[in-house]
Amino acid sequence: MKTRSAAKRPPIHMIDTEADTLTDLALARQERSPEVSALLLEEINRAKIYSATKIPADVVTMHSRVEFVDEANGASRTVELVYPGDADIAAGRISIMTPVGAGLIGLREGQSILWPDRDGQQRRLSIVRVERAQ
């Protein structure tokens, strides 16, 4: 089942240096967060890699502000995708090492992904808008 669901995932894009940093982070956190680490490593492995100057402007990268809709409940959220030490849910900064954070990285405006939440339930996350950090 996991393989079928991964096959349905949309193409994603990452910055080369972020992919390297995220790989190191996911490997370092495998014991503490095995599910999220595995999901993030899968996403990195299937991503098309770009230099920071060549990545399309509408791609979710680290420190992007992204508006997305959780299709399960129709809720729209705008968050900044950050590294774990900078996370502050009250301030709208979510960690890449959360299920939602790992699901958003690399997506483009208009794309959706079927992604597991903390309880293992599949949810469709749809990207509405991306504002990249300058």
C-alpha atoms as a PDB file:
ATOM      1  CA  MET A   1       0.000   0.000   0.000  1.00  0.00           C
ATOM      2  CA  LYS A   2       2.791   2.427   0.882  1.00  0.00           C
ATOM      3  CA  THR A   3       4.367   1.959  -2.543  1.00  0.00           C
ATOM      4  CA  ARG A   4       1.084   2.553  -4.385  1.00  0.00           C
ATOM      5  CA  SER A   5       0.466   5.744  -2.451  1.00  0.00           C
ATOM      6  CA  ALA A   6       4.015   6.960  -3.078  1.00  0.00           C
ATOM      7  CA  ALA A   7       3.523   6.304  -6.801  1.00  0.00           C
ATOM      8  CA  LYS A   8       0.539   8.685  -6.824  1.00  0.00           C
ATOM      9  CA  ARG A   9       2.483  11.545  -5.256  1.00  0.00           C
ATOM     10  CA  PRO A  10       3.090  14.574  -7.463  1.00  0.00           C
ATOM     11  CA  PRO A  11       6.579  15.477  -8.643  1.00  0.00           C
ATOM     12  CA  ILE A  12       8.496  17.615  -6.176  1.00  0.00           C
ATOM     13  CA  HIS A  13      11.473  19.944  -6.349  1.00  0.00           C
ATOM     14  CA  MET A  14      14.215  20.797  -3.843  1.00  0.00           C
ATOM     15  CA  ILE A  15      17.236  23.026  -3.526  1.00  0.00           C
ATOM     16  CA  ASP A  16      20.447  20.977  -3.493  1.00  0.00           C
ATOM     17  CA  THR A  17      21.811  22.407  -0.234  1.00  0.00           C
ATOM     18  CA  GLU A  18      18.436  22.039   1.519  1.00  0.00           C
ATOM     19  CA  ALA A  19      18.155  18.425   0.369  1.00  0.00           C
ATOM     20  CA  ASP A  20      21.569  17.727   1.897  1.00  0.00           C
ATOM     21  CA  THR A  21      20.689  19.468   5.179  1.00  0.00           C
ATOM     22  CA  LEU A  22      17.301  17.732   5.360  1.00  0.00           C
ATOM     23  CA  THR A  23      18.891  14.334   4.691  1.00  0.00           C
ATOM     24  CA  ASP A  24      21.283  14.889   7.602  1.00  0.00           C
ATOM     25  CA  LEU A  25      18.409  16.056   9.824  1.00  0.00           C
ATOM     26  CA  ALA A  26      16.176  13.091   8.940  1.00  0.00           C
ATOM     27  CA  LEU A  27      19.010  10.615   9.559  1.00  0.00           C
ATOM     28  CA  ALA A  28      19.852  12.242  12.904  1.00  0.00           C
ATOM     29  CA  ARG A  29      16.204  12.060  14.008  1.00  0.00           C
ATOM     30  CA  GLN A  30      15.423   8.497  12.914  1.00  0.00           C
ATOM     31  CA  GLU A  31      15.192   7.163  16.467  1.00  0.00           C
ATOM     32  CA  ARG A  32      13.111  10.050  17.814  1.00  0.00           C
ATOM     33  CA  SER A  33      10.813  10.444  14.785  1.00  0.00           C
ATOM     34  CA  PRO A  34      11.080   7.279  12.675  1.00  0.00           C
ATOM     35  CA  GLU A  35       7.897   7.781  10.622  1.00  0.00           C
ATOM     36  CA  VAL A  36       8.548  11.420   9.703  1.00  0.00           C
ATOM     37  CA  SER A  37      12.238  10.693   9.048  1.00  0.00           C
ATOM     38  CA  ALA A  38      11.316   7.873   6.656  1.00  0.00           C
ATOM     39  CA  LEU A  39       8.721   9.998   4.844  1.00  0.00           C
ATOM     40  CA  LEU A  40      11.128  12.919   4.490  1.00  0.00           C
ATOM     41  CA  LEU A  41      13.913  10.686   3.172  1.00  0.00           C
ATOM     42  CA  GLU A  42      11.496   9.202   0.603  1.00  0.00           C
ATOM     43  CA  GLU A  43      10.565  12.700  -0.565  1.00  0.00           C
ATOM     44  CA  ILE A  44      14.206  13.781  -0.844  1.00  0.00           C
ATOM     45  CA  ASN A  45      15.028  10.661  -2.854  1.00  0.00           C
ATOM     46  CA  ARG A  46      12.311  11.324  -5.415  1.00  0.00           C
ATOM     47  CA  ALA A  47      12.795  15.099  -5.692  1.00  0.00           C
ATOM     48  CA  LYS A  48      14.186  16.873  -8.727  1.00  0.00           C
ATOM     49  CA  ILE A  49      17.178  18.813  -7.394  1.00  0.00           C
ATOM     50  CA  TYR A  50      18.029  22.418  -8.350  1.00  0.00           C
ATOM     51  CA  SER A  51      20.529  25.049  -7.313  1.00  0.00           C
ATOM     52  CA  ALA A  52      18.943  27.829  -5.242  1.00  0.00           C
ATOM     53  CA  THR A  53      19.035  30.211  -8.214  1.00  0.00           C
ATOM     54  CA  LYS A  54      17.290  27.771 -10.580  1.00  0.00           C
ATOM     55  CA  ILE A  55      14.408  26.408  -8.484  1.00  0.00           C
ATOM     56  CA  PRO A  56      10.968  27.584  -9.672  1.00  0.00           C
ATOM     57  CA  ALA A  57       9.541  30.476  -7.613  1.00  0.00           C
ATOM     58  CA  ASP A  58       6.301  28.666  -6.742  1.00  0.00           C
ATOM     59  CA  VAL A  59       7.998  25.729  -4.962  1.00  0.00           C
ATOM     60  CA  VAL A  60       7.755  25.247  -1.180  1.00  0.00           C
ATOM     61  CA  THR A  61      11.288  25.476   0.212  1.00  0.00           C
ATOM     62  CA  MET A  62      12.580  25.979   3.713  1.00  0.00           C
ATOM     63  CA  HIS A  63      11.425  29.322   5.157  1.00  0.00           C
ATOM     64  CA  SER A  64       8.684  29.633   2.530  1.00  0.00           C
ATOM     65  CA  ARG A  65       5.299  30.902   3.646  1.00  0.00           C
ATOM     66  CA  VAL A  66       2.751  28.521   2.233  1.00  0.00           C
ATOM     67  CA  GLU A  67      -1.025  28.647   2.172  1.00  0.00           C
ATOM     68  CA  PHE A  68      -2.570  25.206   1.923  1.00  0.00           C
ATOM     69  CA  VAL A  69      -5.954  23.569   2.365  1.00  0.00           C
ATOM     70  CA  ASP A  70      -6.498  20.362   4.303  1.00  0.00           C
ATOM     71  CA  GLU A  71      -9.140  18.788   2.080  1.00  0.00           C
ATOM     72  CA  ALA A  72     -10.383  16.555   4.937  1.00  0.00           C
ATOM     73  CA  ASN A  73     -11.923  19.497   6.737  1.00  0.00           C
ATOM     74  CA  GLY A  74     -11.587  22.355   4.227  1.00  0.00           C
ATOM     75  CA  ALA A  75      -9.417  24.332   6.626  1.00  0.00           C
ATOM     76  CA  SER A  76      -6.991  26.776   5.040  1.00  0.00           C
ATOM     77  CA  ARG A  77      -3.731  27.515   6.855  1.00  0.00           C
ATOM     78  CA  THR A  78      -0.764  29.727   6.140  1.00  0.00           C
ATOM     79  CA  VAL A  79       2.492  28.624   7.728  1.00  0.00           C
ATOM     80  CA  GLU A  80       6.233  29.119   7.403  1.00  0.00           C
ATOM     81  CA  LEU A  81       8.206  25.908   6.946  1.00  0.00           C
ATOM     82  CA  VAL A  82      11.189  25.926   9.335  1.00  0.00           C
ATOM     83  CA  TYR A  83      13.839  23.738  10.931  1.00  0.00           C
ATOM     84  CA  PRO A  84      12.856  22.167  14.277  1.00  0.00           C
ATOM     85  CA  GLY A  85      14.664  24.716  16.472  1.00  0.00           C
ATOM     86  CA  ASP A  86      12.697  27.581  14.873  1.00  0.00           C
ATOM     87  CA  ALA A  87       9.260  25.952  15.113  1.00  0.00           C
ATOM     88  CA  ASP A  88       6.523  27.860  16.939  1.00  0.00           C
ATOM     89  CA  ILE A  89       3.029  26.728  16.032  1.00  0.00           C
ATOM     90  CA  ALA A  90       1.457  29.789  17.708  1.00  0.00           C
ATOM     91  CA  ALA A  91       3.521  32.020  15.390  1.00  0.00           C
ATOM     92  CA  GLY A  92       2.650  29.900  12.337  1.00  0.00           C
ATOM     93  CA  ARG A  93       6.098  28.299  11.998  1.00  0.00           C
ATOM     94  CA  ILE A  94       5.905  24.532  11.518  1.00  0.00           C
ATOM     95  CA  SER A  95       8.817  22.154  11.605  1.00  0.00           C
ATOM     96  CA  ILE A  96       9.926  20.164   8.596  1.00  0.00           C
ATOM     97  CA  MET A  97      10.054  17.229  11.064  1.00  0.00           C
ATOM     98  CA  THR A  98       6.255  17.119  11.414  1.00  0.00           C
ATOM     99  CA  PRO A  99       4.046  15.099   9.078  1.00  0.00           C
ATOM    100  CA  VAL A 100       2.578  18.269   7.519  1.00  0.00           C
ATOM    101  CA  GLY A 101       5.984  19.921   7.159  1.00  0.00           C
ATOM    102  CA  ALA A 102       7.494  16.881   5.450  1.00  0.00           C
ATOM    103  CA  GLY A 103       4.452  16.700   3.161  1.00  0.00           C
ATOM    104  CA  LEU A 104       4.653  20.335   2.032  1.00  0.00           C
ATOM    105  CA  ILE A 105       8.339  20.516   1.089  1.00  0.00           C
ATOM    106  CA  GLY A 106       8.939  20.562  -2.646  1.00  0.00           C
ATOM    107  CA  LEU A 107       5.337  21.004  -3.760  1.00  0.00           C
ATOM    108  CA  ARG A 108       4.276  23.757  -6.164  1.00  0.00           C
ATOM    109  CA  GLU A 109       1.242  26.024  -6.193  1.00  0.00           C
ATOM    110  CA  GLY A 110      -1.777  24.081  -7.437  1.00  0.00           C
ATOM    111  CA  GLN A 111      -0.410  20.664  -6.449  1.00  0.00           C
ATOM    112  CA  SER A 112      -2.000  18.303  -3.930  1.00  0.00           C
ATOM    113  CA  ILE A 113      -0.552  15.371  -2.054  1.00  0.00           C
ATOM    114  CA  LEU A 114      -2.210  12.533  -0.179  1.00  0.00           C
ATOM    115  CA  TRP A 115      -0.200  12.426   3.032  1.00  0.00           C
ATOM    116  CA  PRO A 116      -0.436  10.708   6.437  1.00  0.00           C
ATOM    117  CA  ASP A 117      -1.160  12.802   9.520  1.00  0.00           C
ATOM    118  CA  ARG A 118       0.122  12.106  13.054  1.00  0.00           C
ATOM    119  CA  ASP A 119      -2.530   9.390  13.472  1.00  0.00           C
ATOM    120  CA  GLY A 120      -1.613   7.663  10.204  1.00  0.00           C
ATOM    121  CA  GLN A 121      -4.790   8.827   8.437  1.00  0.00           C
ATOM    122  CA  GLN A 122      -4.347   9.914   4.809  1.00  0.00           C
ATOM    123  CA  ARG A 123      -5.175  13.583   4.205  1.00  0.00           C
ATOM    124  CA  ARG A 124      -5.040  15.559   0.993  1.00  0.00           C
ATOM    125  CA  LEU A 125      -3.033  18.770   1.318  1.00  0.00           C
ATOM    126  CA  SER A 126      -3.481  21.267  -1.538  1.00  0.00           C
ATOM    127  CA  ILE A 127      -1.077  24.153  -2.096  1.00  0.00           C
ATOM    128  CA  VAL A 128      -2.825  27.476  -2.738  1.00  0.00           C
ATOM    129  CA  ARG A 129       0.063  29.972  -2.599  1.00  0.00           C
ATOM    130  CA  VAL A 130       3.812  30.020  -1.938  1.00  0.00           C
ATOM    131  CA  GLU A 131       5.872  33.015  -0.862  1.00  0.00           C
ATOM    132  CA  ARG A 132       9.556  32.204  -0.857  1.00  0.00           C
ATOM    133  CA  ALA A 133      11.958  33.782   1.610  1.00  0.00           C
ATOM    134  CA  GLN A 134      14.117  36.453   0.032  1.00  0.00           C
END
